[in-house]
Amino acid sequence: MLTIYKASAGSGKTYTLTYYYIKLLISQKDENGRYRLRKFTRSAHRSILAITFTNKATDEMKRRIIHELAVLGGMEPGWKDPSPYVADFCRELGCSEEELAETARHTLRDLLFDFNYFQVSTIDSFFQIILRTFAREAELTGNYEVDLENDRAMESGVRNLFESLRTDSGSPETRRIIHWLTRFLLTELREGRAVALFNRKSDAFGELLRFVKETDTEEFKRRYREMMDYLGNPELLDSFRNQLVNAPRRHKEMTAALCKHALDEISRRGYDDGPAKITKNVMTRLLDGAANGFDTSKKEGSTIASVIASPREACNAKLKTELDKNPDTTLYDAITSAFTALRQGRTLRQLWSDLTRQLYRLGLLESVYRYIEAFRAENNTLLLSDTNSILAEIIGDGETPFVFERLGVW
């Protein structure tokens, strides 16, 4: 059975969790499934694991449990107020206050004399206990150090990537890095950034380091091997880059053709002039699209959106009346297709630009992470943020009991 307590800040989460923890300490289920006071409390705490988020919360939880047990047992020096838990415990466990106090005293003594097994810890600490059990599978030595911050390893990875260009300039791998690095630096120059490559204070160094840090997400770690296999394949990256380079040209040509086709359909029907005609705004947009292959206006405005939603809005009042009587789906389809391409082009041009800029960083990412992994191996360190992904990779699709088997009885 899973019991979930939903509570907002200040609503008494600590009170409820402390109550539940103490209940597990001092009671056990009888043959009817009801909780009753334990006859023997020794080592009951060894069977309970409490997990919280921060060291501060862990310390608060331990203090609260010990304090409340002491108050229940009348062992808290100078404390005169009764425990707020007394009435609830007596009612739920079917006991008297004297019986509850005696059990609380025994439980507190057992807990304090066996304090090493009082397991209230943070999620990170608990995962480290598990990971050390799997050190061999994770290819870690038993005395590895946990690095709480990723910055040191990542900065080392970026710095060593740049340094390798000085010391190993003739290898195929270095030539590939130079190829992508050159493209990366050209994008930085176009945007007015400094490109003093080996200066850690330069924009180029900081920009690449910032990008590496931004990739350090749970989703990236979950797909780390898959990503590295792709990014380490120059042919795949070059193919993707070529598609990005050619995509704007192809879309521009398509948009221009659709706009010209719409203009031809309008002209053939005589709707470009006269009392019944296509509105001036629509004609201006179509002429612009036919000439340039995209919408050159700074803002999309309402014209494109309204015409896509209802092509009837492309017509003036007289033409609307005529087409309401005799609908012209061919004309409407031509205008809608042209305007849809114009709207997509506005979004896609920005997307292609962003992807192209990021692609050059991606071309360096696999190499940076190889140097990061080398740094970890040389310094026998593990980043705290990597714990979850390493455990997930080790366990894979295996069932949870596998973890229990490796951890042993504790």
Protein backbone atom coordinates (compact mmCIF):
# COMPACT_ATOMS: atom_id res chain seq x y z
CA MET A 1 0.00 0.00 0.00
CA LEU A 2 1.25 3.47 -0.88
CA THR A 3 0.09 6.37 1.27
CA ILE A 4 0.46 9.83 -0.24
CA TYR A 5 0.15 13.04 1.80
CA LYS A 6 -0.49 16.12 -0.32
CA ALA A 7 0.41 19.26 1.59
CA SER A 8 1.39 22.85 0.89
CA ALA A 9 4.04 24.86 2.73
CA GLY A 10 3.32 25.34 6.42
CA SER A 11 0.49 22.82 6.52
CA GLY A 12 2.21 20.35 8.83
CA LYS A 13 4.21 17.94 6.65
CA THR A 14 6.95 17.50 9.25
CA TYR A 15 4.35 16.87 11.97
CA THR A 16 2.66 14.16 9.89
CA LEU A 17 5.88 12.48 8.74
CA THR A 18 7.31 12.47 12.27
CA TYR A 19 4.08 10.92 13.55
CA TYR A 20 4.23 8.21 10.90
CA TYR A 21 7.91 7.45 11.54
CA ILE A 22 7.39 7.17 15.31
CA LYS A 23 4.34 4.97 14.71
CA LEU A 24 6.51 2.56 12.71
CA LEU A 25 9.06 2.60 15.54
CA ILE A 26 6.74 1.91 18.46
CA SER A 27 4.06 -0.24 16.87
CA GLN A 28 3.44 -3.18 14.61
CA LYS A 29 0.40 -4.75 12.96
CA ASP A 30 -1.46 -7.48 14.81
CA GLU A 31 -3.17 -10.49 13.22
CA ASN A 32 -6.16 -8.31 12.32
CA GLY A 33 -4.02 -5.75 10.50
CA ARG A 34 -4.37 -3.09 13.21
CA TYR A 35 -1.38 -1.25 14.67
CA ARG A 36 -0.61 -2.07 18.31
CA LEU A 37 2.33 -1.17 20.60
CA ARG A 38 5.42 -3.31 20.07
CA LYS A 39 6.36 -5.69 22.82
CA PHE A 40 10.00 -5.55 21.75
CA THR A 41 11.27 -2.30 20.17
CA ARG A 42 14.96 -3.18 19.87
CA SER A 43 16.35 -2.52 16.36
CA ALA A 44 12.98 -1.44 14.96
CA HIS A 45 14.69 1.66 13.52
CA ARG A 46 16.99 -0.55 11.45
CA SER A 47 14.06 -1.51 9.24
CA ILE A 48 13.01 2.05 8.41
CA LEU A 49 14.53 4.33 5.78
CA ALA A 50 13.53 8.00 5.64
CA ILE A 51 14.54 10.05 2.62
CA THR A 52 14.39 13.83 2.28
CA PHE A 53 15.88 16.48 -0.01
CA THR A 54 18.42 18.57 1.90
CA ASN A 55 20.91 18.12 4.74
CA LYS A 56 19.03 20.80 6.66
CA ALA A 57 15.76 18.85 6.34
CA THR A 58 17.54 15.64 7.37
CA ASP A 59 18.90 17.25 10.53
CA GLU A 60 15.50 18.77 11.34
CA MET A 61 13.76 15.42 10.87
CA LYS A 62 16.18 13.56 13.16
CA ARG A 63 15.94 16.23 15.86
CA ARG A 64 12.15 16.22 15.65
CA ILE A 65 11.87 12.43 15.96
CA ILE A 66 14.22 12.25 18.95
CA HIS A 67 12.56 15.24 20.63
CA GLU A 68 9.04 13.86 20.22
CA LEU A 69 10.07 10.42 21.50
CA ALA A 70 11.67 12.09 24.52
CA VAL A 71 8.53 14.14 25.20
CA LEU A 72 6.31 11.07 24.82
CA GLY A 73 8.51 9.20 27.30
CA GLY A 74 8.82 12.11 29.74
CA MET A 75 12.60 12.23 29.17
CA GLU A 76 13.02 15.74 27.72
CA PRO A 77 14.70 17.85 30.46
CA GLY A 78 12.77 21.00 31.33
CA TRP A 79 9.93 20.20 28.93
CA LYS A 80 6.52 20.47 30.63
CA ASP A 81 4.09 20.58 27.69
CA PRO A 82 2.48 17.23 26.72
CA SER A 83 3.27 15.75 23.32
CA PRO A 84 0.77 16.71 20.59
CA TYR A 85 0.88 13.08 19.46
CA VAL A 86 -0.40 11.47 22.68
CA ALA A 87 -4.12 11.50 21.96
CA ASP A 88 -3.71 10.30 18.35
CA PHE A 89 -1.35 7.46 19.33
CA CYS A 90 -3.52 6.26 22.21
CA ARG A 91 -6.58 6.22 19.98
CA GLU A 92 -4.91 4.56 16.99
CA LEU A 93 -2.83 2.03 18.95
CA GLY A 94 -5.47 1.27 21.59
CA CYS A 95 -3.17 1.92 24.55
CA SER A 96 -2.99 4.05 27.67
CA GLU A 97 -0.74 7.08 28.11
CA GLU A 98 1.42 5.15 30.59
CA GLU A 99 1.93 2.26 28.15
CA LEU A 100 2.76 4.71 25.37
CA ALA A 101 5.30 6.55 27.55
CA GLU A 102 7.06 3.32 28.56
CA THR A 103 7.33 2.13 24.95
CA ALA A 104 8.62 5.55 23.86
CA ARG A 105 11.36 5.44 26.55
CA HIS A 106 12.54 1.98 25.45
CA THR A 107 12.44 2.98 21.79
CA LEU A 108 14.45 6.17 22.38
CA ARG A 109 17.16 4.29 24.32
CA ASP A 110 17.40 1.65 21.59
CA LEU A 111 17.66 4.35 18.95
CA LEU A 112 20.35 6.38 20.71
CA PHE A 113 22.50 3.36 21.55
CA ASP A 114 22.32 2.22 17.91
CA PHE A 115 22.43 5.66 16.32
CA ASN A 116 24.51 4.62 13.28
CA TYR A 117 21.49 2.77 11.95
CA PHE A 118 19.09 5.68 12.39
CA GLN A 119 18.57 6.11 8.66
CA VAL A 120 17.32 9.58 7.79
CA SER A 121 19.28 10.81 4.78
CA THR A 122 19.09 12.87 1.63
CA ILE A 123 18.23 11.35 -1.73
CA ASP A 124 21.79 12.02 -2.93
CA SER A 125 23.35 10.30 0.11
CA PHE A 126 21.14 7.27 -0.35
CA PHE A 127 22.02 6.99 -4.04
CA GLN A 128 25.70 7.19 -3.15
CA ILE A 129 25.26 4.21 -0.83
CA ILE A 130 23.71 2.27 -3.70
CA LEU A 131 26.32 3.41 -6.22
CA ARG A 132 29.24 2.32 -4.07
CA THR A 133 27.68 -1.13 -4.07
CA PHE A 134 27.74 -1.02 -7.86
CA ALA A 135 31.21 0.54 -8.14
CA ARG A 136 32.52 -2.38 -10.16
CA GLU A 137 29.69 -2.26 -12.71
CA ALA A 138 30.16 1.52 -12.98
CA GLU A 139 33.90 0.99 -13.58
CA LEU A 140 34.77 3.01 -10.49
CA THR A 141 37.33 2.25 -7.83
CA GLY A 142 36.03 1.85 -4.31
CA ASN A 143 37.70 5.05 -3.12
CA TYR A 144 36.34 7.41 -5.76
CA GLU A 145 35.54 10.99 -4.77
CA VAL A 146 32.17 12.64 -5.34
CA ASP A 147 32.42 16.07 -6.94
CA LEU A 148 29.42 18.20 -6.01
CA GLU A 149 30.03 20.71 -8.79
CA ASN A 150 30.22 19.95 -12.51
CA ASP A 151 32.01 23.18 -13.42
CA ARG A 152 35.54 21.98 -12.73
CA ALA A 153 35.27 18.91 -14.96
CA MET A 154 33.48 20.78 -17.73
CA GLU A 155 35.94 23.67 -17.76
CA SER A 156 38.77 21.15 -17.89
CA GLY A 157 37.07 19.39 -20.82
CA VAL A 158 36.74 22.59 -22.87
CA ARG A 159 40.26 23.77 -21.99
CA ASN A 160 41.86 20.42 -22.86
CA LEU A 161 39.97 20.30 -26.16
CA PHE A 162 41.50 23.64 -27.13
CA GLU A 163 44.95 22.63 -25.85
CA SER A 164 44.89 19.45 -27.96
CA LEU A 165 44.90 21.59 -31.08
CA ARG A 166 48.41 22.75 -30.14
CA THR A 167 49.87 19.39 -29.24
CA ASP A 168 48.20 17.00 -31.69
CA SER A 169 47.48 19.05 -34.79
CA GLY A 170 48.14 16.28 -37.35
CA SER A 171 45.67 13.57 -36.33
CA PRO A 172 42.38 13.01 -38.22
CA GLU A 173 40.44 13.64 -35.02
CA THR A 174 42.15 16.99 -34.50
CA ARG A 175 41.49 17.99 -38.09
CA ARG A 176 37.81 17.20 -37.57
CA ILE A 177 37.76 19.32 -34.41
CA ILE A 178 39.48 22.19 -36.23
CA HIS A 179 36.91 21.88 -39.03
CA TRP A 180 33.99 22.30 -36.61
CA LEU A 181 35.78 24.79 -34.39
CA THR A 182 36.46 27.03 -37.36
CA ARG A 183 32.76 27.06 -38.21
CA PHE A 184 31.88 27.70 -34.59
CA LEU A 185 34.27 30.66 -34.41
CA LEU A 186 32.91 32.11 -37.66
CA THR A 187 29.42 32.17 -36.15
CA GLU A 188 30.84 33.91 -33.08
CA LEU A 189 32.58 36.51 -35.28
CA ARG A 190 29.38 37.19 -37.23
CA GLU A 191 27.66 37.98 -33.94
CA GLY A 192 30.45 40.31 -32.79
CA ARG A 193 31.97 38.09 -30.09
CA ALA A 194 35.68 37.94 -29.26
CA VAL A 195 37.39 34.74 -30.40
CA ALA A 196 40.67 34.63 -28.44
CA LEU A 197 40.60 30.84 -28.50
CA PHE A 198 43.02 29.92 -25.73
CA ASN A 199 42.00 32.69 -23.35
CA ARG A 200 39.63 31.33 -20.71
CA LYS A 201 38.09 34.79 -20.38
CA SER A 202 37.27 35.04 -24.08
CA ASP A 203 33.71 34.96 -25.37
CA ALA A 204 34.41 31.85 -27.47
CA PHE A 205 35.69 29.86 -24.49
CA GLY A 206 32.85 31.03 -22.26
CA GLU A 207 30.20 30.48 -24.92
CA LEU A 208 31.25 26.88 -25.54
CA LEU A 209 31.56 26.20 -21.79
CA ARG A 210 28.10 27.67 -21.21
CA PHE A 211 26.68 25.45 -23.96
CA VAL A 212 28.26 22.33 -22.43
CA LYS A 213 26.72 23.21 -19.06
CA GLU A 214 23.32 23.68 -20.67
CA THR A 215 23.46 20.13 -22.02
CA ASP A 216 23.95 18.75 -18.51
CA THR A 217 20.32 17.71 -18.05
CA GLU A 218 18.61 14.48 -16.99
CA GLU A 219 17.26 14.00 -20.52
CA PHE A 220 20.74 14.36 -22.03
CA LYS A 221 22.24 11.92 -19.52
CA ARG A 222 19.48 9.42 -20.17
CA ARG A 223 20.39 9.46 -23.88
CA TYR A 224 24.10 10.09 -23.39
CA ARG A 225 25.44 7.04 -25.25
CA GLU A 226 23.01 7.51 -28.10
CA MET A 227 23.97 11.19 -28.38
CA MET A 228 27.70 10.48 -28.30
CA ASP A 229 27.37 7.81 -31.01
CA TYR A 230 25.61 10.31 -33.25
CA LEU A 231 27.82 13.31 -32.50
CA GLY A 232 30.96 11.22 -32.95
CA ASN A 233 29.98 10.35 -36.52
CA PRO A 234 31.28 13.11 -38.86
CA GLU A 235 29.24 11.83 -41.82
CA LEU A 236 25.94 12.15 -39.92
CA LEU A 237 26.77 15.65 -38.73
CA ASP A 238 27.85 16.78 -42.20
CA SER A 239 24.66 15.36 -43.68
CA PHE A 240 22.57 17.19 -41.10
CA ARG A 241 24.50 20.41 -41.72
CA ASN A 242 23.95 20.13 -45.48
CA GLN A 243 20.22 19.69 -44.92
CA LEU A 244 20.16 22.79 -42.72
CA VAL A 245 22.08 24.80 -45.33
CA ASN A 246 19.79 23.71 -48.18
CA ALA A 247 16.47 23.85 -46.30
CA PRO A 248 16.08 27.68 -46.41
CA ARG A 249 16.79 27.78 -50.14
CA ARG A 250 14.29 25.01 -50.88
CA HIS A 251 11.60 26.61 -48.75
CA LYS A 252 12.26 30.01 -50.31
CA GLU A 253 11.84 28.58 -53.80
CA MET A 254 8.65 26.76 -52.80
CA THR A 255 7.18 29.87 -51.16
CA ALA A 256 7.96 32.05 -54.19
CA ALA A 257 6.33 29.50 -56.50
CA LEU A 258 3.18 29.29 -54.35
CA CYS A 259 2.89 33.08 -54.19
CA LYS A 260 3.32 33.38 -57.95
CA HIS A 261 0.71 30.68 -58.49
CA ALA A 262 -1.76 32.54 -56.23
CA LEU A 263 -1.09 35.80 -58.14
CA ASP A 264 -1.68 34.01 -61.45
CA GLU A 265 -5.00 32.61 -60.22
CA ILE A 266 -6.05 36.07 -59.04
CA SER A 267 -4.95 37.78 -62.29
CA ARG A 268 -6.60 35.14 -64.49
CA ARG A 269 -9.94 35.88 -62.80
CA GLY A 270 -9.42 39.65 -62.95
CA TYR A 271 -9.49 39.98 -59.19
CA ASP A 272 -6.30 42.09 -59.06
CA ASP A 273 -8.19 45.22 -60.16
CA GLY A 274 -11.73 46.49 -60.47
CA PRO A 275 -14.64 46.71 -58.01
CA ALA A 276 -14.47 43.04 -56.96
CA LYS A 277 -10.91 42.24 -56.02
CA ILE A 278 -8.40 40.83 -53.55
CA THR A 279 -7.50 43.36 -50.83
CA LYS A 280 -4.42 45.53 -51.13
CA ASN A 281 -2.75 44.01 -48.03
CA VAL A 282 -3.08 40.48 -49.40
CA MET A 283 -1.74 41.49 -52.82
CA THR A 284 1.22 43.25 -51.20
CA ARG A 285 2.09 40.15 -49.17
CA LEU A 286 1.82 37.87 -52.20
CA LEU A 287 3.96 40.17 -54.38
CA ASP A 288 6.56 40.36 -51.62
CA GLY A 289 6.58 36.57 -51.25
CA ALA A 290 6.86 36.01 -55.00
CA ALA A 291 9.85 38.37 -55.22
CA ASN A 292 11.73 37.31 -52.08
CA GLY A 293 10.51 33.82 -51.20
CA PHE A 294 9.54 34.90 -47.67
CA ASP A 295 7.64 37.56 -45.73
CA THR A 296 9.98 40.55 -45.36
CA SER A 297 7.74 42.51 -42.98
CA LYS A 298 9.02 42.89 -39.43
CA LYS A 299 5.82 41.49 -37.93
CA GLU A 300 3.40 38.95 -39.24
CA GLY A 301 0.41 41.13 -38.38
CA SER A 302 -3.18 39.98 -38.55
CA THR A 303 -3.51 39.66 -42.35
CA ILE A 304 -1.76 36.32 -42.77
CA ALA A 305 -3.40 34.77 -39.72
CA SER A 306 -6.91 35.89 -40.68
CA VAL A 307 -6.59 34.72 -44.31
CA ILE A 308 -5.25 31.30 -43.26
CA ALA A 309 -8.17 30.95 -40.85
CA SER A 310 -10.66 32.06 -43.51
CA PRO A 311 -9.48 32.76 -47.10
CA ARG A 312 -12.70 34.74 -47.60
CA GLU A 313 -10.93 37.53 -45.64
CA ALA A 314 -8.59 38.06 -48.62
CA CYS A 315 -11.50 39.56 -50.58
CA ASN A 316 -13.04 43.00 -50.49
CA ALA A 317 -16.76 43.31 -49.71
CA LYS A 318 -17.97 43.03 -53.32
CA LEU A 319 -15.82 39.98 -54.09
CA LYS A 320 -16.98 38.31 -50.88
CA THR A 321 -20.58 38.68 -52.03
CA GLU A 322 -19.80 37.16 -55.44
CA LEU A 323 -17.82 34.23 -54.05
CA ASP A 324 -20.41 33.55 -51.35
CA LYS A 325 -22.85 32.88 -54.20
CA ASN A 326 -20.33 30.96 -56.34
CA PRO A 327 -17.48 29.63 -54.14
CA ASP A 328 -14.07 29.32 -55.81
CA THR A 329 -12.16 26.68 -53.83
CA THR A 330 -9.27 26.65 -56.30
CA LEU A 331 -8.60 30.34 -55.69
CA TYR A 332 -9.02 30.00 -51.94
CA ASP A 333 -6.65 26.99 -51.83
CA ALA A 334 -3.98 28.88 -53.80
CA ILE A 335 -4.09 31.88 -51.47
CA THR A 336 -4.18 29.72 -48.33
CA SER A 337 -1.19 27.62 -49.47
CA ALA A 338 0.86 30.74 -50.25
CA PHE A 339 0.08 32.38 -46.91
CA THR A 340 0.75 29.17 -45.00
CA ALA A 341 4.21 28.95 -46.61
CA LEU A 342 4.87 32.62 -45.74
CA ARG A 343 3.93 32.02 -42.08
CA GLN A 344 6.00 28.82 -41.85
CA GLY A 345 8.98 30.57 -43.43
CA ARG A 346 9.00 33.21 -40.68
CA THR A 347 9.24 30.51 -37.99
CA LEU A 348 11.48 28.11 -39.88
CA ARG A 349 14.09 30.72 -40.83
CA GLN A 350 14.66 31.47 -37.14
CA LEU A 351 14.69 27.74 -36.32
CA TRP A 352 17.20 26.95 -39.07
CA SER A 353 19.41 29.82 -37.96
CA ASP A 354 19.36 28.64 -34.34
CA LEU A 355 19.98 25.01 -35.32
CA THR A 356 22.90 25.95 -37.57
CA ARG A 357 24.48 27.99 -34.79
CA GLN A 358 24.01 25.19 -32.26
CA LEU A 359 25.16 22.52 -34.70
CA TYR A 360 28.73 23.79 -34.65
CA ARG A 361 28.73 23.51 -30.88
CA LEU A 362 27.27 20.00 -31.15
CA GLY A 363 30.11 19.11 -33.49
CA LEU A 364 32.52 19.85 -30.61
CA LEU A 365 30.39 18.37 -27.82
CA GLU A 366 31.44 14.74 -28.25
CA SER A 367 35.11 15.72 -28.09
CA VAL A 368 34.54 17.90 -25.00
CA TYR A 369 32.81 15.04 -23.17
CA ARG A 370 35.66 12.68 -24.01
CA TYR A 371 38.01 15.07 -22.22
CA ILE A 372 35.54 15.38 -19.34
CA GLU A 373 35.49 11.59 -18.96
CA ALA A 374 39.30 11.55 -19.09
CA PHE A 375 39.39 14.17 -16.32
CA ARG A 376 37.10 12.07 -14.14
CA ALA A 377 39.18 8.94 -14.73
CA GLU A 378 42.47 10.72 -13.97
CA ASN A 379 41.12 12.29 -10.79
CA ASN A 380 38.98 9.28 -9.76
CA THR A 381 35.96 11.51 -9.36
CA LEU A 382 32.27 11.14 -10.01
CA LEU A 383 29.92 14.06 -10.51
CA LEU A 384 27.04 13.92 -8.06
CA SER A 385 24.61 14.79 -10.85
CA ASP A 386 25.68 11.66 -12.77
CA THR A 387 24.58 9.24 -10.05
CA ASN A 388 21.02 8.74 -11.29
CA SER A 389 21.98 8.13 -14.92
CA ILE A 390 24.79 5.71 -13.95
CA LEU A 391 22.45 3.67 -11.77
CA ALA A 392 19.79 3.66 -14.47
CA GLU A 393 22.34 2.40 -17.01
CA ILE A 394 23.59 -0.34 -14.66
CA ILE A 395 20.15 -1.56 -13.66
CA GLY A 396 18.69 -1.12 -17.14
CA ASP A 397 15.39 -2.97 -17.47
CA GLY A 398 16.16 -5.17 -14.47
CA GLU A 399 13.72 -5.37 -11.62
CA THR A 400 14.15 -3.56 -8.32
CA PRO A 401 15.00 -6.75 -6.32
CA PHE A 402 18.35 -6.75 -8.14
CA VAL A 403 19.26 -3.62 -6.16
CA PHE A 404 18.16 -5.25 -2.91
CA GLU A 405 20.27 -8.33 -3.63
CA ARG A 406 23.40 -6.25 -4.14
CA LEU A 407 22.75 -4.05 -1.12
CA GLY A 408 22.31 -7.07 1.13
CA VAL A 409 20.25 -7.19 4.31
CA TRP A 410 20.69 -3.49 5.05
